[in-house]
Structures are given as C-alpha cells and as structure tokens.
Amino acid sequence: MIVVTGNQMKAIDNYCIERLGIPGIVLMENAALKVIKNIDLDKFKSFTIVCGVGNNGGDGLAVGRHLIVEGKTVNIFVIGRLNKGSRDFNINYNILKNMKVRIKQIEKEDDLEELINSIKNSDMTIDAIFGTGLTRDVGGLYRHVISIINEHSKYILSVDIPSGIDSDTGKELGISVKANKVVSFQLMKKGLVDFDNVVLEPIGMPRMAIEEVLKRSIV
C-alpha cells in the first residue's frame, strides 16, 4: 500500500489535472460515486450533508446530488464564504441551484439550530467540511459545527478524511469529526494509517501520475 502526505496527494491531483488534462470535476464526480457506493441505500433514507467551500465540500455537494437523484431526503448545509468557493465546488453548487435544491448557509450561531434539527432527524450525517489541506486548529463557527455533528448524529460518514484531522500525523487539530466510516480516495494518507474505519477507493488517477510525483519526493 502506498502511503502519502497531504502535499504529495495534492501534487498528484494537480499532475492529473494540469499535465494529463483530466478535469478536476471528473475526479470529483468519481469520488462522489465512490462515496455513494459505500452507503447502504436500503438502510439509510435521510441525510444531512455539511460542506466547506473547498474541493472536499464540492465532493459533498456531488454526493448530495446523487442521493437526491436516488430519491433520498437530503438537507445540505454550507459553512464558509461562497465567494471563496473552489472552481469545482462552484460547479456543483450551481448544478444544485439549477435543480432548485435549497442549500442552507451557516453564517452565524443563529443558523446552528436548523443544523441540529436536521441532524437529529437524519439517518446519516455526511462530513465534507475540510479535506487534507487543513493545517491549523479548528476554531470559531467551524468548531461549533463539528461539535454539533459529533453530539447529534446517528451515524457519520466523512469524505476523504474526518474534518479536523491532520492528514500527515492523524492528530486532532483542536476538534475533529468522530466518523463511523471514512471513504478516502486513491491513496492512503499518512494520518489515516491508524484509523480502522477507512475505505480506500480509486477515482481514476493513472499510476504513471502517482509514480511521477512520488519520484520527486515531495513531502
């Protein structure tokens, strides 16, 4: 099993997009479909999805779209400034808006009551707040949101990595999501090696891209 740092994974992702020409939105769609593959759709009928505005959040939005297509009850929350959204986050956000899906934005503490009620009434919470790029302690409204997810969820699935975990060390950055399952992508991150609830799924990154980046020994 190949184990990589967060920087190495980012470099592989960039190589696939910039050098090979694989659109990032394709990799994101592949990731979302692999998350869906790992959800028992007969058992879980209702979902609360909590997204950041980066690519991890974009994964979450794409997962939400597929669950809606499957006829599930889905509530989607976004925390973070929409004008800071990544390109592929924005694509998935706009698709959902075109589908007339209501996306609730968490901007202040007053918005948290609706999140609590949604989580309490959902079979599963999907965590798509932070990806592998997080390096500083979680604070402010994000800390409240993660605490709410941990306290009120019946079952938690984290996309790629539990939000609040350092992808290189596995240490908690102040607070982290206590996921029942983590669906991670392509290569094992160093920080997840000691987790026993991680499913690793390929998302279409060619082996030559992985080998080329790892030869450079980026850490």
Protein backbone atom coordinates (compact mmCIF):
# COMPACT_ATOMS: atom_id res chain seq x y z
CA MET A 1 0.00 0.00 0.00
CA ILE A 2 1.33 3.43 -0.97
CA VAL A 3 1.08 5.98 1.84
CA VAL A 4 1.35 9.69 1.02
CA THR A 5 1.42 13.07 2.70
CA GLY A 6 -1.16 15.73 2.08
CA ASN A 7 1.29 17.64 -0.13
CA GLN A 8 2.04 14.55 -2.19
CA MET A 9 -1.66 13.87 -2.70
CA LYS A 10 -2.23 17.47 -3.77
CA ALA A 11 0.68 17.23 -6.21
CA ILE A 12 -0.71 14.03 -7.72
CA ASP A 13 -4.10 15.66 -8.08
CA ASN A 14 -2.54 18.70 -9.77
CA TYR A 15 -0.48 16.48 -12.09
CA CYS A 16 -3.60 14.65 -13.23
CA ILE A 17 -5.43 17.91 -13.89
CA GLU A 18 -2.67 20.14 -15.28
CA ARG A 19 -0.33 17.69 -17.01
CA LEU A 20 -2.67 14.92 -18.09
CA GLY A 21 -5.72 17.10 -18.71
CA ILE A 22 -8.17 15.17 -16.53
CA PRO A 23 -10.73 17.78 -15.46
CA GLY A 24 -10.91 18.19 -11.72
CA ILE A 25 -14.70 17.95 -11.90
CA VAL A 26 -14.30 14.42 -13.34
CA LEU A 27 -12.20 13.34 -10.37
CA MET A 28 -14.75 14.95 -8.07
CA GLU A 29 -17.61 13.10 -9.73
CA ASN A 30 -15.71 9.82 -9.47
CA ALA A 31 -15.13 10.50 -5.76
CA ALA A 32 -18.80 11.21 -5.17
CA LEU A 33 -19.86 8.00 -6.89
CA LYS A 34 -17.44 6.01 -4.72
CA VAL A 35 -18.98 7.56 -1.61
CA ILE A 36 -22.43 6.53 -2.84
CA LYS A 37 -21.11 3.01 -3.42
CA ASN A 38 -20.24 2.84 0.28
CA ILE A 39 -23.68 3.87 1.57
CA ASP A 40 -26.34 1.23 2.20
CA LEU A 41 -29.20 3.00 0.43
CA ASP A 42 -31.71 0.44 1.72
CA LYS A 43 -30.78 1.25 5.32
CA PHE A 44 -30.13 5.00 5.16
CA LYS A 45 -33.00 7.10 3.85
CA SER A 46 -32.31 10.63 5.08
CA PHE A 47 -29.12 12.65 5.10
CA THR A 48 -27.64 15.88 6.38
CA ILE A 49 -24.56 16.92 4.40
CA VAL A 50 -22.27 19.59 5.83
CA CYS A 51 -19.87 21.11 3.31
CA GLY A 52 -17.00 23.55 3.33
CA VAL A 53 -16.32 25.65 0.24
CA GLY A 54 -13.22 23.81 -1.00
CA ASN A 55 -12.99 20.66 -3.07
CA ASN A 56 -13.96 18.48 -0.11
CA GLY A 57 -17.17 20.47 0.07
CA GLY A 58 -17.59 20.05 -3.67
CA ASP A 59 -17.40 16.29 -3.17
CA GLY A 60 -20.15 16.61 -0.58
CA LEU A 61 -22.37 18.61 -2.92
CA ALA A 62 -21.94 15.99 -5.65
CA VAL A 63 -22.78 13.23 -3.16
CA GLY A 64 -25.91 15.17 -2.23
CA ARG A 65 -26.96 15.42 -5.87
CA HIS A 66 -26.68 11.67 -6.37
CA LEU A 67 -28.64 10.98 -3.19
CA ILE A 68 -31.38 13.34 -4.36
CA VAL A 69 -31.49 11.52 -7.69
CA GLU A 70 -31.90 8.29 -5.70
CA GLY A 71 -34.98 9.79 -4.07
CA LYS A 72 -33.48 10.27 -0.62
CA THR A 73 -34.29 13.09 1.79
CA VAL A 74 -31.24 15.35 1.74
CA ASN A 75 -30.52 18.58 3.63
CA ILE A 76 -27.37 20.40 2.57
CA PHE A 77 -25.54 22.98 4.66
CA VAL A 78 -22.53 25.04 3.58
CA ILE A 79 -20.17 26.71 6.03
CA GLY A 80 -17.72 29.28 4.69
CA ARG A 81 -17.82 32.22 2.32
CA LEU A 82 -19.36 31.29 -1.01
CA ASN A 83 -17.15 33.83 -2.77
CA LYS A 84 -14.18 31.73 -1.64
CA GLY A 85 -15.52 28.55 -3.22
CA SER A 86 -13.16 26.46 -5.35
CA ARG A 87 -13.92 26.17 -9.06
CA ASP A 88 -15.29 22.64 -8.82
CA PHE A 89 -17.23 23.44 -5.64
CA ASN A 90 -18.91 26.26 -7.58
CA ILE A 91 -19.82 23.94 -10.46
CA ASN A 92 -21.58 21.50 -8.16
CA TYR A 93 -23.17 24.31 -6.16
CA ASN A 94 -24.64 25.83 -9.33
CA ILE A 95 -25.92 22.45 -10.53
CA LEU A 96 -27.85 22.03 -7.29
CA LYS A 97 -29.22 25.56 -7.50
CA ASN A 98 -30.35 24.82 -11.08
CA MET A 99 -32.11 21.72 -9.68
CA LYS A 100 -33.94 24.05 -7.24
CA VAL A 101 -32.26 22.37 -4.25
CA ARG A 102 -32.29 24.52 -1.13
CA ILE A 103 -28.79 24.91 0.28
CA LYS A 104 -28.63 26.41 3.76
CA GLN A 105 -25.63 28.59 4.53
CA ILE A 106 -24.21 28.59 8.05
CA GLU A 107 -23.05 32.15 8.66
CA LYS A 108 -23.72 32.75 12.36
CA GLU A 109 -24.61 30.89 15.54
CA ASP A 110 -28.31 31.53 14.95
CA ASP A 111 -28.08 29.21 11.93
CA LEU A 112 -27.00 26.26 14.07
CA GLU A 113 -30.46 25.38 15.39
CA GLU A 114 -31.64 24.33 11.94
CA LEU A 115 -28.50 22.22 11.55
CA ILE A 116 -29.13 20.50 14.89
CA ASN A 117 -32.73 19.70 13.97
CA SER A 118 -31.70 18.38 10.56
CA ILE A 119 -29.01 16.11 12.01
CA LYS A 120 -31.36 14.77 14.69
CA ASN A 121 -33.90 13.86 12.01
CA SER A 122 -31.42 12.25 9.60
CA ASP A 123 -30.22 8.68 9.41
CA MET A 124 -26.72 9.79 8.38
CA THR A 125 -24.57 12.91 8.58
CA ILE A 126 -22.02 13.33 5.81
CA ASP A 127 -18.97 15.40 6.75
CA ALA A 128 -17.41 17.25 3.83
CA ILE A 129 -16.05 20.34 5.61
CA PHE A 130 -12.26 20.06 5.49
CA GLY A 131 -10.05 17.92 3.27
CA THR A 132 -6.38 17.03 3.50
CA GLY A 133 -5.19 20.64 3.33
CA LEU A 134 -6.13 21.58 6.88
CA THR A 135 -3.05 22.50 8.96
CA ARG A 136 -4.30 24.79 11.75
CA ASP A 137 -6.58 24.27 14.72
CA VAL A 138 -10.31 24.42 14.05
CA GLY A 139 -11.97 27.42 15.65
CA GLY A 140 -14.94 29.74 15.53
CA LEU A 141 -18.15 28.60 13.89
CA TYR A 142 -16.42 25.52 12.42
CA ARG A 143 -15.70 24.27 15.93
CA HIS A 144 -19.37 24.63 16.89
CA VAL A 145 -20.48 22.80 13.74
CA ILE A 146 -18.14 19.85 14.32
CA SER A 147 -19.24 19.63 17.95
CA ILE A 148 -22.89 19.52 16.81
CA ILE A 149 -22.13 16.79 14.27
CA ASN A 150 -20.46 14.67 16.94
CA GLU A 151 -23.16 15.22 19.53
CA HIS A 152 -26.32 14.75 17.50
CA SER A 153 -25.54 12.40 14.59
CA LYS A 154 -26.84 8.83 14.48
CA TYR A 155 -24.12 7.81 12.01
CA ILE A 156 -21.30 9.86 10.47
CA LEU A 157 -19.55 9.31 7.15
CA SER A 158 -16.55 11.54 6.42
CA VAL A 159 -15.49 12.28 2.85
CA ASP A 160 -11.76 11.63 2.31
CA ILE A 161 -10.72 12.45 5.91
CA PRO A 162 -12.58 13.36 9.10
CA SER A 163 -12.71 17.14 9.31
CA GLY A 164 -10.23 18.39 11.89
CA ILE A 165 -7.68 15.59 11.46
CA ASP A 166 -4.14 16.42 10.29
CA SER A 167 -3.69 14.31 7.15
CA ASP A 168 0.02 13.79 7.85
CA THR A 169 0.01 12.99 11.57
CA GLY A 170 -3.51 11.80 12.32
CA LYS A 171 -3.65 14.25 15.22
CA GLU A 172 -6.73 16.25 16.06
CA LEU A 173 -6.45 19.93 15.24
CA GLY A 174 -8.40 21.21 18.23
CA ILE A 175 -11.53 19.21 17.44
CA SER A 176 -12.42 16.64 14.81
CA VAL A 177 -15.39 14.75 13.43
CA LYS A 178 -15.80 11.31 15.05
CA ALA A 179 -16.64 9.39 11.90
CA ASN A 180 -18.14 5.91 11.85
CA LYS A 181 -16.77 5.46 8.33
CA VAL A 182 -14.27 7.36 6.19
CA VAL A 183 -14.34 6.98 2.42
CA SER A 184 -10.91 8.13 1.24
CA PHE A 185 -9.60 8.32 -2.30
CA GLN A 186 -6.88 6.73 -4.40
CA LEU A 187 -4.02 6.59 -1.87
CA MET A 188 -3.79 6.19 1.90
CA LYS A 189 -2.90 9.39 3.72
CA LYS A 190 -0.28 9.07 6.47
CA GLY A 191 -2.66 10.45 9.04
CA LEU A 192 -5.26 7.75 8.38
CA VAL A 193 -2.99 4.71 8.69
CA ASP A 194 -4.00 4.01 12.29
CA PHE A 195 -7.73 4.52 11.67
CA ASP A 196 -9.68 1.27 11.46
CA ASN A 197 -12.77 2.61 9.70
CA VAL A 198 -11.27 3.78 6.39
CA VAL A 199 -12.38 2.53 2.98
CA LEU A 200 -9.93 3.43 0.20
CA GLU A 201 -11.42 3.89 -3.26
CA PRO A 202 -9.73 4.62 -6.63
CA ILE A 203 -11.06 7.64 -8.53
CA GLY A 204 -9.27 7.28 -11.86
CA MET A 205 -5.80 8.69 -11.22
CA PRO A 206 -3.36 6.88 -13.53
CA ARG A 207 -0.49 5.01 -11.89
CA MET A 208 2.05 6.89 -14.00
CA ALA A 209 0.91 10.17 -12.44
CA ILE A 210 1.40 8.74 -8.97
CA GLU A 211 4.83 7.33 -9.80
CA GLU A 212 5.98 10.54 -11.48
CA VAL A 213 5.06 12.71 -8.50
CA LEU A 214 6.45 10.34 -5.88
CA LYS A 215 9.80 10.21 -7.70
CA ARG A 216 10.17 13.87 -6.82
CA SER A 217 9.86 13.04 -3.11
CA ILE A 218 7.51 15.90 -2.30
CA VAL A 219 6.72 15.99 1.42
